[in-house]
N, C-alpha and C. Protein backbone atom coordinates (compact mmCIF):
# COMPACT_ATOMS: atom_id res chain seq x y z
N UNK A 1 0.84 -1.17 0.00
CA UNK A 1 -0.08 -0.06 -0.06
C UNK A 1 0.93 1.32 -0.04
N UNK A 2 1.97 1.28 0.71
CA UNK A 2 2.82 2.45 0.86
C UNK A 2 3.53 2.68 -0.59
N UNK A 3 3.97 1.60 -1.23
CA UNK A 3 4.55 1.68 -2.42
C UNK A 3 3.67 2.28 -3.44
N UNK A 4 2.34 1.97 -3.51
CA UNK A 4 1.32 2.42 -4.49
C UNK A 4 1.08 3.85 -4.03
N UNK A 5 1.17 4.37 -2.95
CA UNK A 5 0.82 5.80 -2.56
C UNK A 5 2.12 6.53 -2.87
N UNK A 6 3.27 5.91 -2.65
CA UNK A 6 4.50 6.65 -3.19
C UNK A 6 4.51 6.83 -4.78
N UNK A 7 3.99 5.90 -5.33
CA UNK A 7 4.10 5.83 -6.75
C UNK A 7 3.21 6.95 -7.47
N UNK A 8 2.03 6.96 -6.72
CA UNK A 8 1.00 8.16 -7.03
C UNK A 8 1.60 9.43 -6.79
N UNK A 9 2.20 9.55 -5.71
CA UNK A 9 2.93 10.75 -5.33
C UNK A 9 3.82 11.34 -6.49
N UNK A 10 4.69 10.25 -6.74
CA UNK A 10 5.85 10.51 -7.95
C UNK A 10 5.12 10.75 -9.28
N UNK A 11 4.06 10.31 -9.54
CA UNK A 11 3.46 10.55 -10.75
C UNK A 11 2.95 11.86 -10.78
N UNK A 12 2.20 12.17 -9.67
CA UNK A 12 1.70 13.56 -9.43
C UNK A 12 2.57 14.64 -9.71
N UNK A 13 3.76 14.38 -9.02
CA UNK A 13 4.90 15.28 -9.09
C UNK A 13 5.46 15.35 -10.42
N UNK A 14 5.68 14.32 -11.05
CA UNK A 14 6.22 14.37 -12.43
C UNK A 14 5.22 15.20 -13.35
N UNK A 15 4.06 14.84 -13.17
CA UNK A 15 3.00 15.63 -14.05
C UNK A 15 3.00 16.96 -13.78
N UNK A 16 3.02 17.50 -12.62
CA UNK A 16 3.25 18.86 -12.21
C UNK A 16 4.55 19.69 -12.77
N UNK A 17 5.59 18.87 -12.83
CA UNK A 17 6.95 19.49 -13.42
C UNK A 17 6.59 19.49 -14.79
N UNK A 18 6.14 18.54 -15.55
CA UNK A 18 5.85 18.63 -16.87
C UNK A 18 5.18 19.68 -17.40
N UNK A 19 3.91 19.78 -16.67
CA UNK A 19 3.01 21.03 -17.04
C UNK A 19 3.68 22.31 -16.83
N UNK A 20 4.45 22.61 -15.80
CA UNK A 20 5.40 23.87 -15.49
C UNK A 20 6.44 24.11 -16.59
N UNK A 21 6.97 23.13 -16.90
CA UNK A 21 8.05 23.18 -18.00
C UNK A 21 7.46 23.52 -19.33
N UNK A 22 6.25 22.86 -19.64
CA UNK A 22 5.62 23.16 -20.98
C UNK A 22 5.20 24.49 -21.02
N UNK A 23 4.66 25.12 -19.97
CA UNK A 23 4.19 26.59 -19.88
C UNK A 23 5.54 27.58 -20.11
N UNK A 24 6.72 27.04 -19.46
CA UNK A 24 7.78 27.80 -19.67
C UNK A 24 8.41 27.81 -21.08
N UNK A 25 8.17 26.70 -21.47
CA UNK A 25 8.90 26.39 -22.90
C UNK A 25 8.10 27.15 -24.03
N UNK A 26 6.70 27.47 -23.65
CA UNK A 26 5.74 28.06 -24.62
C UNK A 26 5.71 29.60 -24.29
N UNK A 27 6.42 30.11 -23.19
CA UNK A 27 6.68 31.24 -22.84
C UNK A 27 5.14 31.95 -22.67
N UNK A 28 4.35 31.33 -21.88
CA UNK A 28 3.06 31.78 -21.63
C UNK A 28 3.11 32.98 -20.63
N UNK A 29 2.50 34.12 -20.85
CA UNK A 29 2.52 35.17 -20.00
C UNK A 29 0.97 35.68 -20.06
N UNK A 30 0.19 35.54 -18.96
CA UNK A 30 -1.30 35.80 -19.23
C UNK A 30 -1.42 37.36 -19.20
N UNK A 31 -0.61 38.08 -18.35
CA UNK A 31 -0.75 39.48 -18.54
C UNK A 31 -0.31 39.98 -20.03
N UNK A 32 0.69 39.60 -20.50
CA UNK A 32 0.98 40.11 -21.69
C UNK A 32 -0.01 39.63 -22.77
N UNK A 33 -0.64 38.45 -22.83
CA UNK A 33 -1.56 38.07 -23.67
C UNK A 33 -2.87 38.79 -23.37
N UNK A 34 -3.14 39.11 -22.34
CA UNK A 34 -4.32 39.97 -22.03
C UNK A 34 -4.38 41.17 -22.74
N UNK A 35 -3.12 41.98 -22.54
CA UNK A 35 -2.90 43.17 -23.05
C UNK A 35 -2.98 43.33 -24.62
N UNK A 36 -2.32 42.15 -25.10
CA UNK A 36 -2.46 41.94 -26.63
C UNK A 36 -3.94 42.01 -27.19
N UNK A 37 -4.62 41.09 -26.31
CA UNK A 37 -6.16 40.94 -26.68
C UNK A 37 -6.77 42.15 -26.67
N UNK A 38 -6.61 42.97 -25.65
CA UNK A 38 -7.32 44.21 -25.44
C UNK A 38 -6.68 45.39 -26.58
N UNK A 39 -5.64 45.29 -26.80
CA UNK A 39 -5.13 46.03 -27.97
C UNK A 39 -5.53 45.82 -29.26
N UNK A 40 -5.61 44.51 -29.40
CA UNK A 40 -6.17 43.93 -30.90
C UNK A 40 -7.56 44.26 -31.00
N UNK A 41 -8.43 44.02 -29.77
CA UNK A 41 -9.76 44.40 -29.96
C UNK A 41 -10.06 45.88 -30.44
N UNK A 42 -9.50 46.77 -29.75
CA UNK A 42 -9.24 48.38 -30.08
C UNK A 42 -9.05 48.51 -31.41
N UNK A 43 -7.82 47.84 -32.01
CA UNK A 43 -7.43 48.22 -33.19
C UNK A 43 -8.25 47.48 -34.29
N UNK A 44 -9.07 46.35 -34.03
CA UNK A 44 -9.88 45.67 -35.09
C UNK A 44 -10.99 46.37 -35.26
N UNK A 45 -11.18 47.54 -36.08
CA UNK A 45 -12.34 48.45 -36.08
C UNK A 45 -13.39 47.86 -36.76
N UNK A 46 -13.44 46.97 -37.52
CA UNK A 46 -14.67 46.24 -38.00
C UNK A 46 -15.09 44.89 -37.20
N UNK A 47 -14.26 44.74 -36.28
CA UNK A 47 -14.66 43.60 -35.35
C UNK A 47 -14.71 42.16 -36.01
N UNK A 48 -13.90 41.91 -37.11
CA UNK A 48 -14.13 40.65 -37.88
C UNK A 48 -13.21 39.65 -37.37
N UNK A 49 -12.39 40.04 -36.23
CA UNK A 49 -11.32 39.18 -35.67
C UNK A 49 -9.88 39.22 -36.46
N UNK A 50 -9.94 39.95 -37.38
CA UNK A 50 -8.70 40.09 -38.27
C UNK A 50 -8.08 41.30 -38.16
N UNK A 51 -6.78 41.48 -38.18
CA UNK A 51 -6.15 42.84 -38.42
C UNK A 51 -5.51 43.13 -39.73
N UNK A 52 -5.94 43.95 -40.47
CA UNK A 52 -5.28 44.33 -41.73
C UNK A 52 -4.08 45.21 -41.40
N UNK A 53 -3.17 45.28 -42.41
CA UNK A 53 -2.04 46.24 -42.15
C UNK A 53 -2.42 47.70 -41.76
N UNK A 54 -3.47 48.18 -42.53
CA UNK A 54 -3.89 49.51 -42.20
C UNK A 54 -4.46 49.53 -40.58
N UNK A 55 -5.32 48.67 -40.24
CA UNK A 55 -5.76 48.72 -38.81
C UNK A 55 -4.50 48.48 -37.82
N UNK A 56 -3.58 47.64 -38.13
CA UNK A 56 -2.26 47.46 -37.39
C UNK A 56 -1.61 48.83 -37.21
N UNK A 57 -1.42 49.59 -38.30
CA UNK A 57 -0.55 50.79 -38.38
C UNK A 57 -1.43 51.85 -37.55
N UNK A 58 -2.73 51.71 -37.60
CA UNK A 58 -3.55 53.01 -36.82
C UNK A 58 -3.37 52.53 -35.12
N UNK A 59 -3.45 50.96 -34.81
CA UNK A 59 -3.61 50.79 -33.63
C UNK A 59 -2.63 50.00 -32.82
N UNK A 60 -1.84 49.41 -33.52
CA UNK A 60 -0.71 48.58 -33.03
C UNK A 60 0.59 48.58 -33.90
N UNK A 61 1.31 49.81 -33.83
CA UNK A 61 2.41 50.14 -34.58
C UNK A 61 3.44 49.14 -34.69
N UNK A 62 3.77 48.47 -33.45
CA UNK A 62 4.93 47.38 -33.33
C UNK A 62 4.51 46.26 -34.31
N UNK A 63 3.08 45.94 -33.96
CA UNK A 63 2.74 44.75 -34.82
C UNK A 63 2.72 45.07 -36.40
N UNK A 64 2.34 46.30 -36.71
CA UNK A 64 2.52 46.85 -38.11
C UNK A 64 3.87 46.65 -38.62
N UNK A 65 4.83 46.93 -37.85
CA UNK A 65 6.23 46.91 -38.23
C UNK A 65 6.80 45.39 -38.52
N UNK A 66 5.93 44.63 -37.83
CA UNK A 66 6.49 43.08 -38.10
C UNK A 66 5.31 42.36 -38.89
N UNK A 67 4.36 43.21 -39.53
CA UNK A 67 3.21 42.58 -40.08
C UNK A 67 3.58 41.42 -41.08
N UNK A 68 4.72 41.78 -41.89
CA UNK A 68 5.05 40.58 -43.01
C UNK A 68 5.46 39.33 -42.38
N UNK A 69 6.17 39.46 -41.32
CA UNK A 69 6.56 38.30 -40.51
C UNK A 69 5.62 37.70 -39.89
N UNK A 70 4.64 38.30 -39.31
CA UNK A 70 3.58 37.54 -38.68
C UNK A 70 2.42 36.97 -39.58
N UNK A 71 2.38 37.58 -40.78
CA UNK A 71 1.42 37.05 -41.85
C UNK A 71 2.00 36.24 -42.73
N UNK A 72 2.65 35.22 -42.18
CA UNK A 72 3.47 34.25 -43.09
C UNK A 72 2.90 33.61 -44.24
N UNK A 73 1.63 33.44 -44.13
CA UNK A 73 0.83 32.78 -45.07
C UNK A 73 0.39 33.96 -46.21
N UNK A 74 0.69 35.16 -46.10
CA UNK A 74 0.32 36.27 -46.88
C UNK A 74 -1.15 36.31 -47.35
N UNK A 75 -1.87 36.35 -46.11
CA UNK A 75 -3.31 36.38 -46.39
C UNK A 75 -3.78 37.87 -46.34
N UNK A 76 -3.08 38.72 -45.87
CA UNK A 76 -3.41 40.29 -45.83
C UNK A 76 -4.13 40.54 -44.64
N UNK A 77 -4.00 39.55 -43.50
CA UNK A 77 -4.51 39.87 -42.29
C UNK A 77 -3.81 39.11 -41.23
N UNK A 78 -3.90 39.39 -39.91
CA UNK A 78 -3.45 38.59 -38.88
C UNK A 78 -4.33 38.41 -37.80
N UNK A 79 -4.06 37.41 -37.06
CA UNK A 79 -5.06 37.13 -35.90
C UNK A 79 -4.38 37.62 -34.56
N UNK A 80 -5.16 37.63 -33.57
CA UNK A 80 -4.73 37.81 -32.15
C UNK A 80 -3.72 36.60 -31.79
N UNK A 81 -4.22 35.49 -32.05
CA UNK A 81 -3.34 34.29 -31.81
C UNK A 81 -2.02 34.29 -32.65
N UNK A 82 -1.84 34.71 -33.87
CA UNK A 82 -0.69 34.90 -34.48
C UNK A 82 0.14 36.02 -33.78
N UNK A 83 -0.36 37.03 -33.35
CA UNK A 83 0.36 38.02 -32.54
C UNK A 83 0.90 37.32 -31.20
N UNK A 84 0.00 36.72 -30.42
CA UNK A 84 0.48 36.17 -29.15
C UNK A 84 1.65 35.13 -29.52
N UNK A 85 1.60 34.31 -30.55
CA UNK A 85 2.49 33.45 -30.82
C UNK A 85 3.99 34.06 -31.13
N UNK A 86 3.84 35.21 -31.86
CA UNK A 86 5.03 35.91 -32.12
C UNK A 86 5.58 36.52 -31.00
N UNK A 87 4.80 37.15 -30.00
CA UNK A 87 5.10 37.68 -28.72
C UNK A 87 6.08 36.58 -27.85
N UNK A 88 5.23 35.40 -27.78
CA UNK A 88 5.88 34.34 -27.10
C UNK A 88 7.19 33.88 -27.43
N UNK A 89 7.63 34.05 -28.68
CA UNK A 89 8.71 33.64 -29.26
C UNK A 89 9.84 34.56 -29.01
N UNK A 90 9.65 35.73 -28.62
CA UNK A 90 10.70 36.72 -28.37
C UNK A 90 11.13 36.79 -27.03
């Protein structure tokens, strides 16, 4: 019984360490992501969930400066998730 309890404790600890290391590896920052979300919403003037270069220039100039890099698929717009991903990679 003690061995089973010890194994459960070890498994729980390993899972907690794995979850923590994944969030560090992904560079998750809830405050940064919330700020990006807020600024994106203000810049997305037509509310379509997409930011054009013009919208980015008017409301998110740092994003506009990196627009081509973020819009890797060359769709002519970017999403908030793409901006968050770029921010996390830096």
